C-alpha atoms as a PDB file:
ATOM      1  CA  MET A   1       0.000   0.000   0.000  1.00  0.00           C
ATOM      2  CA  SER A   2       1.533   3.329  -1.021  1.00  0.00           C
ATOM      3  CA  ALA A   3       2.006   6.241   1.359  1.00  0.00           C
ATOM      4  CA  GLN A   4      -0.051   8.461  -0.955  1.00  0.00           C
ATOM      5  CA  TYR A   5      -2.996   6.025  -0.884  1.00  0.00           C
ATOM      6  CA  GLN A   6      -2.808   5.794   2.907  1.00  0.00           C
ATOM      7  CA  ALA A   7      -2.711   9.583   3.243  1.00  0.00           C
ATOM      8  CA  GLU A   8      -5.657  10.059   0.892  1.00  0.00           C
ATOM      9  CA  SER A   9      -7.783   7.358   2.526  1.00  0.00           C
ATOM     10  CA  THR A  10      -7.043   8.822   5.973  1.00  0.00           C
ATOM     11  CA  ARG A  11      -8.009  12.290   4.798  1.00  0.00           C
ATOM     12  CA  ILE A  12     -11.283  11.061   3.346  1.00  0.00           C
ATOM     13  CA  ALA A  13     -12.038   9.000   6.455  1.00  0.00           C
ATOM     14  CA  LEU A  14     -11.532  12.031   8.696  1.00  0.00           C
ATOM     15  CA  ALA A  15     -13.429  14.535   6.581  1.00  0.00           C
ATOM     16  CA  SER A  16     -16.223  12.466   5.036  1.00  0.00           C
ATOM     17  CA  PRO A  17     -18.382  11.801   8.114  1.00  0.00           C
ATOM     18  CA  GLU A  18     -18.918  15.562   8.416  1.00  0.00           C
ATOM     19  CA  CYS A  19     -16.812  15.633  11.558  1.00  0.00           C
ATOM     20  CA  GLY A  20     -15.871  19.236  10.941  1.00  0.00           C
ATOM     21  CA  THR A  21     -12.292  19.901   9.976  1.00  0.00           C
ATOM     22  CA  SER A  22      -9.080  17.952   9.967  1.00  0.00           C
ATOM     23  CA  ILE A  23      -5.561  19.324   9.652  1.00  0.00           C
ATOM     24  CA  VAL A  24      -3.385  16.916   7.716  1.00  0.00           C
ATOM     25  CA  PRO A  25       0.061  17.169   6.077  1.00  0.00           C
ATOM     26  CA  GLY A  26       0.202  18.640   2.584  1.00  0.00           C
ATOM     27  CA  ILE A  27       0.781  15.229   1.019  1.00  0.00           C
ATOM     28  CA  ALA A  28      -2.595  14.151   2.389  1.00  0.00           C
ATOM     29  CA  ALA A  29      -4.391  16.960   0.550  1.00  0.00           C
ATOM     30  CA  GLY A  30      -3.879  15.038  -2.683  1.00  0.00           C
ATOM     31  CA  GLN A  31      -4.961  15.878  -6.198  1.00  0.00           C
ATOM     32  CA  ASN A  32      -8.114  13.776  -6.541  1.00  0.00           C
ATOM     33  CA  VAL A  33     -10.520  15.291  -4.051  1.00  0.00           C
ATOM     34  CA  GLU A  34     -14.132  14.165  -3.887  1.00  0.00           C
ATOM     35  CA  SER A  35     -16.689  16.902  -4.568  1.00  0.00           C
ATOM     36  CA  ARG A  36     -18.021  16.672  -1.003  1.00  0.00           C
ATOM     37  CA  VAL A  37     -14.568  17.395   0.475  1.00  0.00           C
ATOM     38  CA  ARG A  38     -13.057  20.883   0.441  1.00  0.00           C
ATOM     39  CA  VAL A  39      -9.305  21.378   0.800  1.00  0.00           C
ATOM     40  CA  VAL A  40      -7.985  24.649   2.194  1.00  0.00           C
ATOM     41  CA  LEU A  41      -4.199  24.935   2.222  1.00  0.00           C
ATOM     42  CA  LEU A  42      -2.707  26.637   5.266  1.00  0.00           C
ATOM     43  CA  HIS A  43       0.405  28.716   4.734  1.00  0.00           C
ATOM     44  CA  ASN A  44       1.240  29.553   8.325  1.00  0.00           C
ATOM     45  CA  PRO A  45       4.705  28.462   9.445  1.00  0.00           C
ATOM     46  CA  ASN A  46       3.585  28.877  13.066  1.00  0.00           C
ATOM     47  CA  ALA A  47       0.679  26.435  12.755  1.00  0.00           C
ATOM     48  CA  ARG A  48       0.878  23.574  15.226  1.00  0.00           C
ATOM     49  CA  ARG A  49      -1.015  20.385  15.850  1.00  0.00           C
ATOM     50  CA  ALA A  50      -0.879  17.675  18.461  1.00  0.00           C
ATOM     51  CA  ARG A  51       0.682  14.335  17.698  1.00  0.00           C
ATOM     52  CA  GLY A  52      -0.050  11.038  19.315  1.00  0.00           C
ATOM     53  CA  THR A  53       0.693   7.376  18.971  1.00  0.00           C
ATOM     54  CA  ILE A  54      -1.732   4.526  18.481  1.00  0.00           C
ATOM     55  CA  THR A  55      -0.743   1.074  19.653  1.00  0.00           C
ATOM     56  CA  SER A  56      -2.299  -2.357  19.752  1.00  0.00           C
ATOM     57  CA  LEU A  57      -4.666  -3.015  22.640  1.00  0.00           C
ATOM     58  CA  GLY A  58      -2.686  -3.886  25.745  1.00  0.00           C
ATOM     59  CA  TYR A  59       0.650  -2.622  24.368  1.00  0.00           C
ATOM     60  CA  MET A  60       2.243   0.278  26.217  1.00  0.00           C
ATOM     61  CA  LEU A  61       4.748   2.351  24.248  1.00  0.00           C
ATOM     62  CA  GLN A  62       7.624   3.480  26.446  1.00  0.00           C
ATOM     63  CA  GLN A  63       7.897   7.259  26.767  1.00  0.00           C
ATOM     64  CA  ARG A  64      11.494   7.416  25.502  1.00  0.00           C
ATOM     65  CA  TYR A  65      10.557   5.526  22.325  1.00  0.00           C
ATOM     66  CA  ALA A  66       7.602   7.817  21.727  1.00  0.00           C
ATOM     67  CA  GLU A  67       9.888  10.841  22.127  1.00  0.00           C
ATOM     68  CA  GLN A  68      12.431   9.340  19.708  1.00  0.00           C
ATOM     69  CA  LEU A  69       9.668   8.728  17.165  1.00  0.00           C
ATOM     70  CA  ILE A  70       8.412  12.317  17.458  1.00  0.00           C
ATOM     71  CA  ALA A  71      11.987  13.636  17.053  1.00  0.00           C
ATOM     72  CA  LEU A  72      12.467  11.504  13.933  1.00  0.00           C
ATOM     73  CA  ILE A  73       9.204  12.762  12.434  1.00  0.00           C
ATOM     74  CA  ARG A  74      10.124  16.384  13.168  1.00  0.00           C
ATOM     75  CA  THR A  75      13.552  15.931  11.578  1.00  0.00           C
ATOM     76  CA  ASN A  76      12.055  14.451   8.411  1.00  0.00           C
ATOM     77  CA  LEU A  77       9.351  17.132   8.204  1.00  0.00           C
ATOM     78  CA  ARG A  78      12.039  19.800   8.263  1.00  0.00           C
ATOM     79  CA  GLY A  79      13.869  18.066   5.423  1.00  0.00           C
ATOM     80  CA  LYS A  80      16.914  17.165   7.469  1.00  0.00           C
ATOM     81  CA  GLY A  81      16.359  13.408   7.391  1.00  0.00           C
END
């Protein structure tokens, strides 16, 4: 499964049930947008959003590993990875 497909299906899943809004990375905005979904690009370098981790039921992610994962994501988002 490609990253683009996963991003697009996540975007549609979040926006389609009329849940309101969802802030997703630019790659998730995609080119093929359904007519019932509206994409508004944000150009604010100070925009922030919370990040979290999802694990299997009963599995506890250790804090240091979660912090390492967040640091890796931040590095790659800034183009340094």
